[in-house]
Amino acid sequence: MAHTLLPGSVVTDCRTCNENIAIASSITNSDPIHAPACRVVGELTLLHEISDTLSDGFELRAAALRMFSHLRATKLLSRGLLLVLNRETGRLLPEASECAFPPFNACVDEGLVGGILSEGRARAIIDVAHIPADTLCKWERAYLSTVPDDAPDEPASLLVMPIQHGDELVGGLCFTRPLGTEGQLEADLRFLALVVGQVGLAVRFRQLAQERLDTLRQENERLQDQIKRSFVPEGMIGKSSSMRMVYFHVDQVADSKTTVLIRGETGVGKERVAQAIWQGGSRKTKPFVRVNCAALPESIIESELFGHEKGAFTGALALRRGRFELAHTGTLFLDEIGEISMSTQAKLLRVLQEGVFERVGGTQPIKVDVRVITATNRNLEEMIDEGKFRLDLYYRINVFPIYVPPLRERRSDLLELADHFLEKYSQQNRKRVVRISTPAIDMLMAYHWPGNVRELENIIERAVLLATDGVIHGYHLPPTLQTPDSTGTASPQTLHDALASVEREMIIDALKANRGIMAKAARQLGITERTMGLRVKSLDIEPRRFRDSTGSSS
């Protein structure tokens, strides 16, 4: 290896790299100092820089380009190309390249480079000009035809390094360099073997991340496609994305025995979702029993659910079968489950886990086969924190939760729902009401719907009864939906007038309370006496009117 001699230096053998290097003699120190020309020290420094680059958190492409820059500056390796193997398709993809050529997707054993990578052995081609054209594939010809900026006219050698993780091929590295001897190329291959050891782990992580991303993308596409093709349960209205997700969940869980918890605000249609689950499953020919837990007093809810024996308590004149027995082999819908007492929750947990219970006043275990669907508008997590709901029961009923969105989150469904209720109540009341006027539609769309679908249904039913010309107009809607423009009640006051009115009213009230004494009224209002005097004067208020007032003056 040739070295440039520094002034006052001598040539000796380096014990590290066994090559002739320049040793600078120090005038003040007789010990020789290694010059930067030592190849091994330089390569270790470069390897350390590459390791830092790969571990600095860069994306693989950015890290590879920085590595190529280091290698080009120190080892004269140009045309850096990093290839990554897609394990699913078995094809090589360019991850990072210093060359500007079109992207490609090649078989792992295609062309000269592919063959070298398939063998799993590094290889150097002394002169790329002597490579037969028929051994190169399309992307390799494009790669070798690009001209490096630093050596546009020089002949070049090709270096190809397989990248392996364990015994598995994960990719490859390609470089060209100025035409070199076999010894120089072997030295470069030895150094690149250390580099690919560092790169291999990064490429492996890149493979795993890409495979995970591809899997998630495919799953997302599959779910989106399934949602688009999924059925709309009978009796349910709406095509918004949030309702499509509800339909998808109904379809997934309908034909199982899994306990379902339907969550949502009052009036969103939780019972309709429960019916859709029942009708979409194998138990649709079996009983569907509804229980509104909020409508039953705590003293009788246990008897309603589990039944009672004759004489179990005062008034129990005969044996009574509970809702669980009535729903045997079918489905039991427990609405507002958050309203039941802690003692009933314990018994409910047992029947959900074991399918066994005893009637009130009885000792004989009764086994039932019941699919349970629950619903609530309460925050069960807060109730658990407050000690009002059992944690073990929560986990038992929350196996498959379904969230039903409020109407304000699915406004695109509002007109379809309104048309459905319009047709329903027109037929029911034998009236010919065929449409909703544009002002009425604007009012429906502007409303915030605290009562959700149930409120909309009641409003349309009322409007159908009031309609006289086959059209629902804005004035047929309740006062809560009316707007200032539709009723002609827009305030003519400006903001300044409104504020002055409020200020005058507050000052008069303070003067009344303090019998016209402005100092006390000012303290009550939190203002100075001077400000009070100015405001009284500008608002034309006479404080003396309130000095003998009993509080009834105005």
Protein backbone atom coordinates (compact mmCIF):
# COMPACT_ATOMS: atom_id res chain seq x y z
CA MET A 1 0.00 0.00 0.00
CA ALA A 2 1.53 3.32 -1.04
CA HIS A 3 1.81 6.13 1.50
CA THR A 4 2.79 9.78 1.13
CA LEU A 5 5.76 10.60 3.34
CA LEU A 6 5.50 13.54 5.69
CA PRO A 7 8.52 15.88 6.16
CA GLY A 8 10.97 14.40 8.65
CA SER A 9 9.34 10.93 8.56
CA VAL A 10 10.81 7.51 8.04
CA VAL A 11 9.40 4.31 6.57
CA THR A 12 9.00 1.26 8.77
CA ASP A 13 6.71 -1.79 9.13
CA CYS A 14 3.43 -1.25 11.04
CA ARG A 15 2.89 -4.05 13.57
CA THR A 16 -0.90 -3.58 13.18
CA CYS A 17 -1.39 -3.89 9.42
CA ASN A 18 1.98 -5.32 8.33
CA GLU A 19 2.34 -2.71 5.64
CA ASN A 20 4.87 0.05 5.05
CA ILE A 21 3.51 3.27 6.51
CA ALA A 22 4.88 6.69 7.29
CA ILE A 23 6.01 7.20 10.85
CA ALA A 24 6.42 10.76 11.99
CA SER A 25 9.34 11.34 14.32
CA SER A 26 8.64 13.74 17.14
CA ILE A 27 11.39 16.18 17.99
CA THR A 28 10.36 16.32 21.64
CA ASN A 29 9.44 12.66 21.99
CA SER A 30 11.50 9.79 20.60
CA ASP A 31 8.46 7.43 20.49
CA PRO A 32 7.08 7.00 16.99
CA ILE A 33 3.52 8.16 16.33
CA HIS A 34 1.23 6.31 13.87
CA ALA A 35 0.15 8.52 11.02
CA PRO A 36 -3.48 8.36 9.84
CA ALA A 37 -2.35 6.22 6.91
CA CYS A 38 -2.70 2.95 8.92
CA ARG A 39 -5.34 0.94 7.00
CA VAL A 40 -6.60 -1.12 9.95
CA VAL A 41 -7.05 1.91 12.19
CA GLY A 42 -8.82 3.74 9.37
CA GLU A 43 -11.14 0.82 8.69
CA LEU A 44 -12.01 0.42 12.38
CA THR A 45 -12.81 4.12 12.55
CA LEU A 46 -15.00 3.83 9.43
CA LEU A 47 -16.75 0.74 10.78
CA HIS A 48 -17.50 2.60 14.00
CA GLU A 49 -18.99 5.51 12.02
CA ILE A 50 -21.17 3.12 10.00
CA SER A 51 -22.35 1.38 13.18
CA ASP A 52 -23.28 4.74 14.70
CA THR A 53 -25.15 5.70 11.52
CA LEU A 54 -27.20 2.48 11.54
CA SER A 55 -28.05 2.79 15.24
CA ASP A 56 -28.92 6.49 15.29
CA GLY A 57 -32.62 5.87 14.64
CA PHE A 58 -32.62 6.85 10.97
CA GLU A 59 -34.93 5.12 8.51
CA LEU A 60 -33.05 2.33 6.77
CA ARG A 61 -32.91 4.21 3.48
CA ALA A 62 -31.50 7.37 5.08
CA ALA A 63 -28.98 5.36 7.12
CA ALA A 64 -27.86 3.44 4.02
CA LEU A 65 -27.30 6.64 2.05
CA ARG A 66 -25.18 8.07 4.88
CA MET A 67 -23.21 4.81 4.94
CA PHE A 68 -22.67 5.03 1.16
CA SER A 69 -21.34 8.56 1.62
CA HIS A 70 -18.78 7.36 4.21
CA LEU A 71 -17.66 4.48 1.99
CA ARG A 72 -17.34 6.68 -1.10
CA ALA A 73 -15.23 9.24 0.75
CA THR A 74 -12.89 6.76 2.47
CA LYS A 75 -12.86 3.57 0.39
CA LEU A 76 -13.67 4.97 -3.06
CA LEU A 77 -16.73 2.69 -3.24
CA SER A 78 -19.37 4.26 -5.48
CA ARG A 79 -22.79 3.36 -6.95
CA GLY A 80 -23.89 2.08 -3.52
CA LEU A 81 -27.05 -0.08 -3.81
CA LEU A 82 -28.93 -1.79 -0.96
CA LEU A 83 -31.32 -4.58 -1.95
CA VAL A 84 -33.92 -6.08 0.40
CA LEU A 85 -35.58 -9.45 -0.13
CA ASN A 86 -39.36 -9.61 0.22
CA ARG A 87 -39.81 -12.98 1.92
CA GLU A 88 -43.43 -13.33 0.88
CA THR A 89 -42.85 -12.82 -2.85
CA GLY A 90 -39.20 -13.93 -3.02
CA ARG A 91 -38.26 -10.83 -5.02
CA LEU A 92 -35.51 -8.25 -4.58
CA LEU A 93 -36.48 -4.61 -4.09
CA PRO A 94 -34.14 -1.59 -4.07
CA GLU A 95 -34.23 0.02 -0.63
CA ALA A 96 -31.53 2.68 -1.12
CA SER A 97 -29.36 3.65 -4.08
CA GLU A 98 -26.86 6.32 -5.09
CA CYS A 99 -27.80 5.70 -8.72
CA ALA A 100 -30.70 7.35 -10.50
CA PHE A 101 -32.35 4.47 -12.35
CA PRO A 102 -35.97 3.27 -12.45
CA PRO A 103 -37.22 1.13 -9.54
CA PHE A 104 -37.43 -2.59 -10.17
CA ASN A 105 -38.82 -5.81 -8.74
CA ALA A 106 -36.60 -8.77 -9.63
CA CYS A 107 -36.45 -12.46 -8.84
CA VAL A 108 -33.81 -13.33 -6.26
CA ASP A 109 -31.87 -15.53 -8.73
CA GLU A 110 -32.28 -13.23 -11.74
CA GLY A 111 -29.17 -11.87 -13.49
CA LEU A 112 -25.57 -11.73 -12.35
CA VAL A 113 -26.21 -10.08 -8.96
CA GLY A 114 -29.16 -12.35 -8.22
CA GLY A 115 -27.05 -15.41 -8.94
CA ILE A 116 -24.30 -14.24 -6.59
CA LEU A 117 -26.80 -13.51 -3.83
CA SER A 118 -28.45 -16.91 -4.29
CA GLU A 119 -25.08 -18.61 -3.82
CA GLY A 120 -24.62 -16.71 -0.55
CA ARG A 121 -20.96 -15.91 -1.29
CA ALA A 122 -19.40 -12.49 -1.80
CA ARG A 123 -17.85 -11.93 -5.20
CA ALA A 124 -15.77 -9.28 -6.96
CA ILE A 125 -15.73 -8.72 -10.73
CA ILE A 126 -12.39 -7.12 -11.64
CA ASP A 127 -13.63 -5.24 -14.73
CA VAL A 128 -17.33 -4.67 -15.39
CA ALA A 129 -16.52 -3.95 -19.04
CA HIS A 130 -15.73 -7.64 -19.52
CA ILE A 131 -19.08 -8.91 -18.15
CA PRO A 132 -21.06 -10.60 -20.98
CA ALA A 133 -24.18 -8.56 -21.73
CA ASP A 134 -26.43 -11.64 -21.80
CA THR A 135 -25.65 -12.39 -18.14
CA LEU A 136 -27.07 -9.03 -17.00
CA CYS A 137 -30.76 -8.42 -16.44
CA LYS A 138 -32.45 -5.12 -17.25
CA TRP A 139 -31.92 -3.41 -13.90
CA GLU A 140 -28.26 -4.50 -13.75
CA ARG A 141 -27.56 -2.95 -17.14
CA ALA A 142 -29.19 0.28 -15.97
CA TYR A 143 -27.21 0.15 -12.72
CA LEU A 144 -23.82 -0.37 -14.39
CA SER A 145 -24.50 2.20 -17.09
CA THR A 146 -24.80 5.04 -14.56
CA VAL A 147 -21.59 7.06 -14.38
CA PRO A 148 -20.20 8.06 -10.94
CA ASP A 149 -19.61 11.78 -10.57
CA ASP A 150 -16.19 11.24 -8.99
CA ALA A 151 -14.73 8.99 -11.75
CA PRO A 152 -16.71 9.42 -14.96
CA ASP A 153 -14.20 7.88 -17.38
CA GLU A 154 -12.37 5.24 -15.35
CA PRO A 155 -12.87 1.46 -15.71
CA ALA A 156 -14.50 -0.06 -12.63
CA SER A 157 -14.69 -3.24 -10.59
CA LEU A 158 -17.95 -4.65 -9.17
CA LEU A 159 -18.38 -5.86 -5.58
CA VAL A 160 -21.48 -7.88 -4.57
CA MET A 161 -22.09 -8.83 -0.91
CA PRO A 162 -25.00 -11.04 0.24
CA ILE A 163 -26.64 -9.84 3.48
CA GLN A 164 -27.65 -12.71 5.73
CA HIS A 165 -29.41 -12.97 9.07
CA GLY A 166 -28.29 -16.29 10.47
CA ASP A 167 -28.45 -18.64 7.49
CA GLU A 168 -31.25 -16.70 5.79
CA LEU A 169 -30.63 -14.34 2.87
CA VAL A 170 -32.27 -10.97 3.60
CA GLY A 171 -30.73 -8.76 0.92
CA GLY A 172 -27.52 -7.60 -0.72
CA LEU A 173 -25.06 -4.74 -1.16
CA CYS A 174 -23.51 -3.69 -4.47
CA PHE A 175 -20.66 -1.24 -5.09
CA THR A 176 -18.27 -0.31 -7.87
CA ARG A 177 -14.77 1.03 -7.36
CA PRO A 178 -11.88 2.13 -9.54
CA LEU A 179 -10.32 -0.83 -11.30
CA GLY A 180 -8.33 -2.76 -8.67
CA THR A 181 -6.08 -5.76 -8.28
CA GLU A 182 -7.22 -9.07 -6.84
CA GLY A 183 -5.51 -8.21 -3.55
CA GLN A 184 -7.25 -4.84 -3.31
CA LEU A 185 -10.64 -6.38 -4.12
CA GLU A 186 -10.15 -9.15 -1.55
CA ALA A 187 -9.29 -6.52 1.07
CA ASP A 188 -12.45 -4.56 0.19
CA LEU A 189 -14.58 -7.73 0.38
CA ARG A 190 -13.15 -8.54 3.81
CA PHE A 191 -14.03 -5.07 5.05
CA LEU A 192 -17.52 -5.19 3.49
CA ALA A 193 -18.09 -8.52 5.26
CA LEU A 194 -17.83 -6.57 8.52
CA VAL A 195 -20.16 -3.89 7.17
CA VAL A 196 -22.90 -6.33 6.12
CA GLY A 197 -22.77 -7.83 9.60
CA GLN A 198 -23.93 -4.44 10.85
CA VAL A 199 -26.40 -3.87 8.01
CA GLY A 200 -27.96 -7.34 8.27
CA LEU A 201 -29.70 -6.63 11.56
CA ALA A 202 -31.10 -3.32 10.27
CA VAL A 203 -32.36 -5.03 7.10
CA ARG A 204 -33.98 -7.77 9.16
CA PHE A 205 -35.84 -5.21 11.26
CA ARG A 206 -36.87 -3.45 8.04
CA GLN A 207 -38.21 -6.74 6.67
CA LEU A 208 -40.22 -7.46 9.80
CA ALA A 209 -41.61 -3.91 9.91
CA GLN A 210 -42.59 -4.01 6.24
CA GLU A 211 -44.21 -7.44 6.59
CA ARG A 212 -46.16 -6.22 9.60
CA LEU A 213 -47.23 -3.11 7.69
CA ASP A 214 -48.28 -5.20 4.67
CA THR A 215 -50.27 -7.52 6.93
CA LEU A 216 -52.06 -4.61 8.59
CA ARG A 217 -52.76 -3.00 5.22
CA GLN A 218 -54.20 -6.23 3.83
CA GLU A 219 -56.30 -6.75 6.95
CA ASN A 220 -57.57 -3.19 6.74
CA GLU A 221 -58.49 -3.65 3.08
CA ARG A 222 -60.21 -6.92 3.90
CA LEU A 223 -62.20 -5.38 6.73
CA GLN A 224 -63.13 -2.34 4.65
CA ASP A 225 -64.27 -4.59 1.83
CA GLN A 226 -66.22 -6.76 4.23
CA ILE A 227 -67.85 -3.71 5.78
CA LYS A 228 -68.87 -2.46 2.34
CA ARG A 229 -70.34 -5.84 1.43
CA SER A 230 -71.81 -6.53 4.85
CA PHE A 231 -75.51 -6.83 5.29
CA VAL A 232 -77.77 -4.17 6.77
CA PRO A 233 -79.80 -5.85 9.54
CA GLU A 234 -83.55 -5.81 9.12
CA GLY A 235 -85.15 -2.77 10.70
CA MET A 236 -81.93 -0.74 10.93
CA ILE A 237 -81.47 2.47 8.96
CA GLY A 238 -78.25 4.25 7.98
CA LYS A 239 -75.25 3.95 5.70
CA SER A 240 -72.71 6.07 7.60
CA SER A 241 -69.30 4.58 8.35
CA SER A 242 -70.04 4.39 12.07
CA MET A 243 -73.23 2.42 11.45
CA ARG A 244 -71.45 0.18 8.95
CA MET A 245 -69.12 -0.77 11.78
CA VAL A 246 -72.11 -1.59 13.97
CA TYR A 247 -73.53 -3.82 11.21
CA PHE A 248 -70.15 -5.53 10.85
CA HIS A 249 -70.00 -6.28 14.58
CA VAL A 250 -73.59 -7.58 14.54
CA ASP A 251 -72.70 -9.87 11.66
CA GLN A 252 -69.58 -11.15 13.45
CA VAL A 253 -71.24 -11.98 16.76
CA ALA A 254 -74.80 -12.93 15.75
CA ASP A 255 -74.21 -16.64 15.19
CA SER A 256 -72.41 -17.28 18.49
CA LYS A 257 -73.34 -17.59 22.14
CA THR A 258 -70.95 -14.82 23.23
CA THR A 259 -72.31 -12.29 25.72
CA VAL A 260 -72.69 -8.86 24.11
CA LEU A 261 -72.65 -5.45 25.80
CA ILE A 262 -74.33 -2.72 23.72
CA ARG A 263 -73.27 0.76 24.78
CA GLY A 264 -74.66 4.12 23.77
CA GLU A 265 -76.76 7.07 24.83
CA THR A 266 -80.47 6.89 25.50
CA GLY A 267 -82.49 6.70 22.31
CA VAL A 268 -79.77 5.51 19.92
CA GLY A 269 -81.48 2.18 19.23
CA LYS A 270 -79.70 -0.32 21.48
CA GLU A 271 -82.73 -2.61 21.60
CA ARG A 272 -82.89 -2.59 17.79
CA VAL A 273 -79.26 -3.74 17.69
CA ALA A 274 -80.07 -6.53 20.17
CA GLN A 275 -82.95 -7.67 17.96
CA ALA A 276 -80.65 -7.66 14.92
CA ILE A 277 -78.18 -9.91 16.77
CA TRP A 278 -81.00 -12.29 17.69
CA GLN A 279 -82.47 -12.35 14.18
CA GLY A 280 -79.06 -12.87 12.55
CA GLY A 281 -78.14 -15.93 14.60
CA SER A 282 -79.14 -19.55 14.86
CA ARG A 283 -81.51 -18.77 17.76
CA LYS A 284 -83.82 -16.56 15.70
CA THR A 285 -86.60 -19.18 15.92
CA LYS A 286 -86.25 -19.34 19.70
CA PRO A 287 -87.63 -16.89 22.29
CA PHE A 288 -86.38 -13.31 22.53
CA VAL A 289 -87.16 -12.02 26.02
CA ARG A 290 -86.70 -8.36 26.95
CA VAL A 291 -86.13 -7.03 30.47
CA ASN A 292 -85.81 -3.32 31.24
CA CYS A 293 -83.88 -3.40 34.50
CA ALA A 294 -84.49 0.31 35.12
CA ALA A 295 -88.27 -0.15 35.03
CA LEU A 296 -88.36 -2.86 37.73
CA PRO A 297 -88.24 -2.01 41.47
CA GLU A 298 -85.28 -3.49 43.28
CA SER A 299 -87.59 -5.59 45.45
CA ILE A 300 -89.00 -7.59 42.52
CA ILE A 301 -86.22 -7.60 39.90
CA GLU A 302 -84.72 -10.80 41.34
CA SER A 303 -88.09 -12.51 41.13
CA GLU A 304 -88.57 -11.26 37.58
CA LEU A 305 -85.22 -12.62 36.44
CA PHE A 306 -85.11 -15.93 38.30
CA GLY A 307 -88.76 -16.56 39.25
CA HIS A 308 -90.01 -17.61 42.68
CA GLU A 309 -91.50 -20.59 44.45
CA LYS A 310 -95.01 -20.62 45.86
CA GLY A 311 -94.99 -19.00 49.31
CA ALA A 312 -91.48 -17.58 48.90
CA PHE A 313 -92.74 -14.21 50.15
CA THR A 314 -95.99 -12.44 50.89
CA GLY A 315 -98.11 -12.43 47.75
CA ALA A 316 -96.30 -15.37 46.12
CA LEU A 317 -99.48 -17.38 45.67
CA ALA A 318 -98.13 -19.63 42.91
CA LEU A 319 -94.89 -20.73 41.33
CA ARG A 320 -93.61 -18.19 38.83
CA ARG A 321 -91.06 -18.84 36.10
CA GLY A 322 -88.48 -16.09 35.65
CA ARG A 323 -87.20 -14.48 32.48
CA PHE A 324 -84.19 -16.80 32.32
CA GLU A 325 -86.49 -19.82 32.23
CA LEU A 326 -88.74 -18.19 29.64
CA ALA A 327 -85.70 -17.49 27.45
CA HIS A 328 -84.37 -21.08 27.65
CA THR A 329 -82.66 -22.03 24.33
CA GLY A 330 -83.26 -18.45 23.17
CA THR A 331 -81.97 -14.95 23.86
CA LEU A 332 -82.40 -12.71 26.92
CA PHE A 333 -81.95 -8.96 26.47
CA LEU A 334 -81.15 -7.10 29.71
CA ASP A 335 -81.56 -3.39 29.02
CA GLU A 336 -80.08 -0.81 31.42
CA ILE A 337 -78.05 -3.45 33.26
CA GLY A 338 -76.26 -0.72 35.15
CA GLU A 339 -79.41 -0.16 37.25
CA ILE A 340 -79.50 -3.55 39.04
CA SER A 341 -78.45 -3.88 42.69
CA MET A 342 -75.18 -5.41 43.87
CA SER A 343 -76.93 -8.48 45.35
CA THR A 344 -78.69 -9.20 42.06
CA GLN A 345 -75.42 -8.67 40.20
CA ALA A 346 -73.84 -11.55 42.19
CA LYS A 347 -76.63 -13.95 41.21
CA LEU A 348 -76.54 -12.74 37.62
CA LEU A 349 -72.80 -13.41 37.47
CA ARG A 350 -73.36 -17.02 38.57
CA VAL A 351 -75.95 -17.77 35.92
CA LEU A 352 -73.79 -16.15 33.23
CA GLN A 353 -70.77 -18.25 34.22
CA GLU A 354 -72.42 -21.58 35.04
CA GLY A 355 -75.88 -21.40 33.45
CA VAL A 356 -77.40 -22.41 36.82
CA PHE A 357 -79.65 -20.54 39.29
CA GLU A 358 -82.33 -21.12 41.94
CA ARG A 359 -85.73 -19.48 42.07
CA VAL A 360 -86.39 -17.08 44.95
CA GLY A 361 -87.34 -19.24 47.91
CA GLY A 362 -86.17 -22.42 46.16
CA THR A 363 -83.23 -24.77 46.63
CA GLN A 364 -83.39 -26.81 43.45
CA PRO A 365 -80.75 -25.74 40.88
CA ILE A 366 -82.21 -24.96 37.46
CA LYS A 367 -79.96 -25.20 34.40
CA VAL A 368 -80.70 -23.04 31.38
CA ASP A 369 -79.18 -22.45 27.96
CA VAL A 370 -79.58 -18.71 27.34
CA ARG A 371 -77.69 -16.28 25.13
CA VAL A 372 -77.48 -12.97 27.06
CA ILE A 373 -77.31 -9.54 25.44
CA THR A 374 -76.95 -6.52 27.73
CA ALA A 375 -77.19 -2.79 27.15
CA THR A 376 -76.51 0.36 29.14
CA ASN A 377 -76.16 4.10 28.77
CA ARG A 378 -74.22 4.34 32.03
CA ASN A 379 -70.45 4.63 32.44
CA LEU A 380 -69.80 1.23 34.02
CA GLU A 381 -66.12 2.01 34.59
CA GLU A 382 -67.04 4.97 36.82
CA MET A 383 -69.63 2.84 38.62
CA ILE A 384 -66.95 0.23 39.34
CA ASP A 385 -64.71 2.93 40.84
CA GLU A 386 -67.63 4.10 42.98
CA GLY A 387 -68.38 0.53 44.15
CA LYS A 388 -71.76 0.41 42.41
CA PHE A 389 -70.97 -2.29 39.84
CA ARG A 390 -69.07 -5.54 40.22
CA LEU A 391 -65.78 -5.74 38.35
CA ASP A 392 -66.12 -9.49 37.74
CA LEU A 393 -69.60 -9.02 36.24
CA TYR A 394 -68.26 -6.22 34.04
CA TYR A 395 -65.61 -8.52 32.59
CA ARG A 396 -68.24 -11.23 32.07
CA ILE A 397 -70.67 -9.07 30.11
CA ASN A 398 -68.06 -7.00 28.27
CA VAL A 399 -66.84 -9.92 26.16
CA PHE A 400 -67.97 -8.33 22.87
CA PRO A 401 -68.85 -4.63 23.23
CA ILE A 402 -70.74 -2.79 20.49
CA TYR A 403 -70.87 1.00 20.54
CA VAL A 404 -73.92 2.58 18.92
CA PRO A 405 -73.10 6.19 17.94
CA PRO A 406 -75.43 9.08 18.84
CA LEU A 407 -77.38 10.74 16.04
CA ARG A 408 -75.18 13.85 16.08
CA GLU A 409 -72.22 11.63 15.07
CA ARG A 410 -74.08 10.17 12.08
CA ARG A 411 -75.84 13.19 10.59
CA SER A 412 -75.56 11.69 7.10
CA ASP A 413 -78.20 9.16 8.22
CA LEU A 414 -80.61 11.79 9.53
CA LEU A 415 -82.62 12.36 6.35
CA GLU A 416 -82.86 8.65 5.62
CA LEU A 417 -84.21 8.09 9.14
CA ALA A 418 -86.62 11.02 8.79
CA ASP A 419 -87.95 9.64 5.48
CA HIS A 420 -88.40 6.21 7.06
CA PHE A 421 -90.41 7.62 9.98
CA LEU A 422 -92.38 9.86 7.59
CA GLU A 423 -93.49 6.84 5.57
CA LYS A 424 -94.15 4.77 8.70
CA TYR A 425 -96.44 7.29 10.42
CA SER A 426 -98.12 8.39 7.21
CA GLN A 427 -99.31 4.82 6.69
CA GLN A 428 -100.12 4.37 10.36
CA ASN A 429 -102.27 7.53 10.48
CA ARG A 430 -103.65 7.05 6.96
CA LYS A 431 -102.40 10.44 5.84
CA ARG A 432 -100.68 11.32 2.60
CA VAL A 433 -97.57 13.18 3.73
CA VAL A 434 -94.95 12.82 1.01
CA ARG A 435 -92.02 15.10 1.80
CA ILE A 436 -90.23 17.43 4.20
CA SER A 437 -89.76 21.05 3.13
CA THR A 438 -86.27 22.51 2.71
CA PRO A 439 -86.56 24.91 5.71
CA ALA A 440 -87.69 21.97 7.87
CA ILE A 441 -84.72 19.90 6.66
CA ASP A 442 -82.37 22.76 7.55
CA MET A 443 -83.87 22.89 11.03
CA LEU A 444 -83.49 19.12 11.48
CA MET A 445 -79.86 19.23 10.37
CA ALA A 446 -79.00 22.17 12.66
CA TYR A 447 -80.44 20.58 15.82
CA HIS A 448 -78.10 18.79 18.27
CA TRP A 449 -80.45 15.82 19.01
CA PRO A 450 -79.93 15.09 22.71
CA GLY A 451 -82.67 12.43 22.49
CA ASN A 452 -81.12 10.79 19.41
CA VAL A 453 -83.20 8.57 17.08
CA ARG A 454 -86.08 8.24 19.55
CA GLU A 455 -86.45 12.03 19.66
CA LEU A 456 -86.37 12.22 15.85
CA GLU A 457 -89.06 9.57 15.58
CA ASN A 458 -91.35 11.40 18.01
CA ILE A 459 -90.82 14.72 16.19
CA ILE A 460 -91.68 13.24 12.78
CA GLU A 461 -94.75 11.48 14.19
CA ARG A 462 -95.98 14.79 15.62
CA ALA A 463 -95.26 16.63 12.37
CA VAL A 464 -97.17 14.05 10.33
CA LEU A 465 -100.22 14.59 12.53
CA LEU A 466 -99.98 18.40 12.09
CA ALA A 467 -99.37 18.38 8.32
CA THR A 468 -102.37 19.36 6.21
CA ASP A 469 -101.00 19.73 2.68
CA GLY A 470 -98.86 16.61 2.34
CA VAL A 471 -95.69 18.46 3.36
CA ILE A 472 -93.94 18.84 6.70
CA HIS A 473 -93.07 22.52 7.10
CA GLY A 474 -90.77 24.17 9.60
CA TYR A 475 -93.69 25.40 11.69
CA HIS A 476 -94.80 21.79 12.21
CA LEU A 477 -91.63 21.09 14.20
CA PRO A 478 -91.45 21.61 18.00
CA PRO A 479 -90.31 24.96 19.45
CA THR A 480 -86.96 23.42 20.46
CA LEU A 481 -86.08 23.09 16.76
CA GLN A 482 -87.22 26.55 15.78
CA THR A 483 -84.59 29.11 14.79
CA PRO A 484 -84.78 32.92 15.02
CA ASP A 485 -85.05 33.18 11.23
CA SER A 486 -87.86 30.63 10.95
CA THR A 487 -89.92 32.26 13.70
CA GLY A 488 -89.06 35.90 12.99
CA THR A 489 -87.76 36.35 16.54
CA ALA A 490 -84.21 37.42 15.71
CA SER A 491 -83.10 40.07 18.17
CA PRO A 492 -83.02 43.60 16.64
CA GLN A 493 -80.58 44.73 19.33
CA THR A 494 -76.90 45.21 18.70
CA LEU A 495 -74.35 43.73 21.08
CA HIS A 496 -73.75 47.18 22.56
CA ASP A 497 -77.49 47.66 23.25
CA ALA A 498 -77.76 44.22 24.84
CA LEU A 499 -74.78 44.83 27.14
CA ALA A 500 -76.12 48.24 28.13
CA SER A 501 -79.48 46.68 29.00
CA VAL A 502 -77.85 44.05 31.21
CA GLU A 503 -75.66 46.70 32.88
CA ARG A 504 -78.64 48.97 33.60
CA GLU A 505 -80.58 46.06 35.12
CA MET A 506 -77.69 45.07 37.42
CA ILE A 507 -77.11 48.64 38.61
CA ILE A 508 -80.82 49.14 39.35
CA ASP A 509 -80.93 45.84 41.29
CA ALA A 510 -77.88 46.90 43.34
CA LEU A 511 -79.41 50.33 44.09
CA LYS A 512 -82.66 48.70 45.14
CA ALA A 513 -80.82 46.33 47.50
CA ASN A 514 -78.89 49.21 49.06
CA ARG A 515 -81.77 51.74 49.21
CA GLY A 516 -80.21 54.07 46.65
CA ILE A 517 -76.82 54.38 48.42
CA MET A 518 -74.37 54.45 45.50
CA ALA A 519 -71.27 53.64 47.60
CA LYS A 520 -72.76 50.38 48.88
CA ALA A 521 -74.13 49.49 45.46
CA ALA A 522 -70.68 50.08 43.92
CA ARG A 523 -69.05 47.76 46.48
CA GLN A 524 -71.66 45.10 45.76
CA LEU A 525 -70.94 45.32 42.04
CA GLY A 526 -67.15 45.41 42.56
CA ILE A 527 -66.60 48.81 40.95
CA THR A 528 -65.38 52.16 42.23
CA GLU A 529 -67.73 54.92 43.33
CA ARG A 530 -66.45 57.11 40.49
CA THR A 531 -67.25 54.41 37.91
CA MET A 532 -70.63 53.93 39.53
CA GLY A 533 -71.37 57.65 39.23
CA LEU A 534 -70.34 57.73 35.57
CA ARG A 535 -72.45 54.65 34.68
CA VAL A 536 -75.50 55.96 36.55
CA LYS A 537 -75.22 59.26 34.70
CA SER A 538 -74.72 57.67 31.24
CA LEU A 539 -77.61 55.24 31.78
CA ASP A 540 -79.89 58.03 33.08
CA ILE A 541 -80.66 56.32 36.39
CA GLU A 542 -81.89 58.36 39.35
CA PRO A 543 -80.56 56.74 42.62
CA ARG A 544 -82.83 58.87 44.83
CA ARG A 545 -85.80 56.94 43.52
CA PHE A 546 -84.65 53.90 45.51
CA ARG A 547 -83.78 55.52 48.86
CA ASP A 548 -87.23 54.99 50.36
CA SER A 549 -87.89 51.92 48.19
CA THR A 550 -88.92 48.63 49.71
CA GLY A 551 -87.54 46.79 46.69
CA SER A 552 -90.60 47.03 44.45
CA SER A 553 -89.63 50.10 42.45
CA SER A 554 -88.26 49.78 38.96
